Amino acid sequence: GAASYYSGKGRTASGGHVGAMTAAHRSLPFGTKVLVTNLNNGRSATVTINDRGPFIRGRIIDVSSGAANVLGMRQSGVARVRVSKL
C-alpha cells in the first residue's frame, strides 16, 4: 500500500506526541511495533503506532518525518510500502 508522512507538535490519538519513529494506522493497537519497508528503495524502519490515520483513500500508514527520512521518502512525500507487524 501507500504511505505518507506527517509532523507536528500536537497530541496524537493515544495522548502522546509525534515522535522520531512513530506512525498512524487505522486499526492496529497503540504501542504496536511494525516494520515499514519502502518498496521503491528497500529501506526499512521500525515504528510504533501511536495515532490514528491515514484518512486519505489508498494510504495504509502515515509515518513520522523522522521515519520518512530513514525510509528515504521525505522528498517524494508518498511511497509504496509493506507493513509487517513485529
C-alpha atoms as a PDB file:
ATOM      1  CA  GLY A   1       0.000   0.000   0.000  1.00  0.00           C
ATOM      2  CA  ALA A   2       0.914   3.649   0.065  1.00  0.00           C
ATOM      3  CA  ALA A   3       2.484   5.519   2.961  1.00  0.00           C
ATOM      4  CA  SER A   4       2.741   9.226   3.587  1.00  0.00           C
ATOM      5  CA  TYR A   5       4.389  11.156   6.383  1.00  0.00           C
ATOM      6  CA  TYR A   6       3.377  13.809   8.862  1.00  0.00           C
ATOM      7  CA  SER A   7       4.888  16.030  11.506  1.00  0.00           C
ATOM      8  CA  GLY A   8       3.594  18.373  14.114  1.00  0.00           C
ATOM      9  CA  LYS A   9       3.627  19.358  17.745  1.00  0.00           C
ATOM     10  CA  GLY A  10       0.089  18.426  18.760  1.00  0.00           C
ATOM     11  CA  ARG A  11      -1.096  15.388  20.659  1.00  0.00           C
ATOM     12  CA  THR A  12      -1.830  12.113  18.913  1.00  0.00           C
ATOM     13  CA  ALA A  13      -4.940   9.959  19.334  1.00  0.00           C
ATOM     14  CA  SER A  14      -3.091   7.975  22.018  1.00  0.00           C
ATOM     15  CA  GLY A  15      -2.425  11.145  24.021  1.00  0.00           C
ATOM     16  CA  GLY A  16       1.275  11.138  23.124  1.00  0.00           C
ATOM     17  CA  HIS A  17       3.261  13.240  20.708  1.00  0.00           C
ATOM     18  CA  VAL A  18       4.588  12.665  17.218  1.00  0.00           C
ATOM     19  CA  GLY A  19       7.951  11.046  17.857  1.00  0.00           C
ATOM     20  CA  ALA A  20      11.001  10.380  15.754  1.00  0.00           C
ATOM     21  CA  MET A  21       9.883   6.848  14.911  1.00  0.00           C
ATOM     22  CA  THR A  22       6.105   6.787  15.304  1.00  0.00           C
ATOM     23  CA  ALA A  23       3.217   6.198  12.920  1.00  0.00           C
ATOM     24  CA  ALA A  24      -0.528   6.385  12.469  1.00  0.00           C
ATOM     25  CA  HIS A  25      -2.586   3.333  11.482  1.00  0.00           C
ATOM     26  CA  ARG A  26      -6.354   2.919  11.260  1.00  0.00           C
ATOM     27  CA  SER A  27      -6.741  -0.239  13.322  1.00  0.00           C
ATOM     28  CA  LEU A  28      -3.540  -1.570  14.921  1.00  0.00           C
ATOM     29  CA  PRO A  29      -3.453  -1.115  18.723  1.00  0.00           C
ATOM     30  CA  PHE A  30      -1.425   1.761  20.144  1.00  0.00           C
ATOM     31  CA  GLY A  31       2.038   0.594  21.105  1.00  0.00           C
ATOM     32  CA  THR A  32       2.263  -1.972  18.287  1.00  0.00           C
ATOM     33  CA  LYS A  33       5.662  -2.032  16.601  1.00  0.00           C
ATOM     34  CA  VAL A  34       5.702  -2.513  12.838  1.00  0.00           C
ATOM     35  CA  LEU A  35       8.408  -2.794  10.222  1.00  0.00           C
ATOM     36  CA  VAL A  36       7.745  -0.467   7.293  1.00  0.00           C
ATOM     37  CA  THR A  37       9.690  -1.245   4.109  1.00  0.00           C
ATOM     38  CA  ASN A  38       9.877   1.205   1.219  1.00  0.00           C
ATOM     39  CA  LEU A  39       9.357  -0.974  -1.869  1.00  0.00           C
ATOM     40  CA  ASN A  40      10.976   1.633  -4.131  1.00  0.00           C
ATOM     41  CA  ASN A  41      14.405   1.540  -2.459  1.00  0.00           C
ATOM     42  CA  GLY A  42      14.354  -1.374   0.026  1.00  0.00           C
ATOM     43  CA  ARG A  43      14.953   0.823   3.091  1.00  0.00           C
ATOM     44  CA  SER A  44      13.155  -0.182   6.312  1.00  0.00           C
ATOM     45  CA  ALA A  45      12.244   1.420   9.625  1.00  0.00           C
ATOM     46  CA  THR A  46      10.661   0.100  12.817  1.00  0.00           C
ATOM     47  CA  VAL A  47       7.940   2.439  14.084  1.00  0.00           C
ATOM     48  CA  THR A  48       5.499   2.434  16.994  1.00  0.00           C
ATOM     49  CA  ILE A  49       1.810   3.061  16.332  1.00  0.00           C
ATOM     50  CA  ASN A  50       0.586   5.974  18.463  1.00  0.00           C
ATOM     51  CA  ASP A  51      -2.025   7.688  16.284  1.00  0.00           C
ATOM     52  CA  ARG A  52      -4.991   7.011  14.011  1.00  0.00           C
ATOM     53  CA  GLY A  53      -4.988   7.563  10.274  1.00  0.00           C
ATOM     54  CA  PRO A  54      -4.281   7.980   7.452  1.00  0.00           C
ATOM     55  CA  PHE A  55      -7.618   9.255   6.276  1.00  0.00           C
ATOM     56  CA  ILE A  56      -6.737   9.523   2.592  1.00  0.00           C
ATOM     57  CA  ARG A  57      -8.026   6.723   0.370  1.00  0.00           C
ATOM     58  CA  GLY A  58      -5.374   4.248  -0.725  1.00  0.00           C
ATOM     59  CA  ARG A  59      -2.911   5.007   2.077  1.00  0.00           C
ATOM     60  CA  ILE A  60      -2.268   2.370   4.731  1.00  0.00           C
ATOM     61  CA  ILE A  61       0.081   4.159   7.153  1.00  0.00           C
ATOM     62  CA  ASP A  62       1.354   7.647   7.991  1.00  0.00           C
ATOM     63  CA  VAL A  63       4.890   7.682   9.379  1.00  0.00           C
ATOM     64  CA  SER A  64       6.578  10.488  11.318  1.00  0.00           C
ATOM     65  CA  SER A  65       9.038  12.749   9.492  1.00  0.00           C
ATOM     66  CA  GLY A  66      11.961  11.003  11.231  1.00  0.00           C
ATOM     67  CA  ALA A  67      10.814   7.634   9.924  1.00  0.00           C
ATOM     68  CA  ALA A  68      10.260   9.179   6.480  1.00  0.00           C
ATOM     69  CA  ASN A  69      13.924  10.253   6.479  1.00  0.00           C
ATOM     70  CA  VAL A  70      15.043   6.701   7.324  1.00  0.00           C
ATOM     71  CA  LEU A  71      12.765   5.301   4.615  1.00  0.00           C
ATOM     72  CA  GLY A  72      14.055   7.798   2.047  1.00  0.00           C
ATOM     73  CA  MET A  73      10.585   9.128   1.238  1.00  0.00           C
ATOM     74  CA  ARG A  74      10.764  12.636   2.653  1.00  0.00           C
ATOM     75  CA  GLN A  75      11.209  14.326  -0.709  1.00  0.00           C
ATOM     76  CA  SER A  76       8.530  12.347  -2.563  1.00  0.00           C
ATOM     77  CA  GLY A  77       6.057  12.515   0.328  1.00  0.00           C
ATOM     78  CA  VAL A  78       4.403   9.219  -0.594  1.00  0.00           C
ATOM     79  CA  ALA A  79       5.903   5.783  -1.195  1.00  0.00           C
ATOM     80  CA  ARG A  80       4.782   2.214  -1.834  1.00  0.00           C
ATOM     81  CA  VAL A  81       5.442   0.226   1.331  1.00  0.00           C
ATOM     82  CA  ARG A  82       4.977  -3.118   3.005  1.00  0.00           C
ATOM     83  CA  VAL A  83       3.931  -3.073   6.676  1.00  0.00           C
ATOM     84  CA  SER A  84       4.775  -6.090   8.859  1.00  0.00           C
ATOM     85  CA  LYS A  85       3.699  -6.410  12.495  1.00  0.00           C
ATOM     86  CA  LEU A  86       6.604  -7.279  14.821  1.00  0.00           C
END
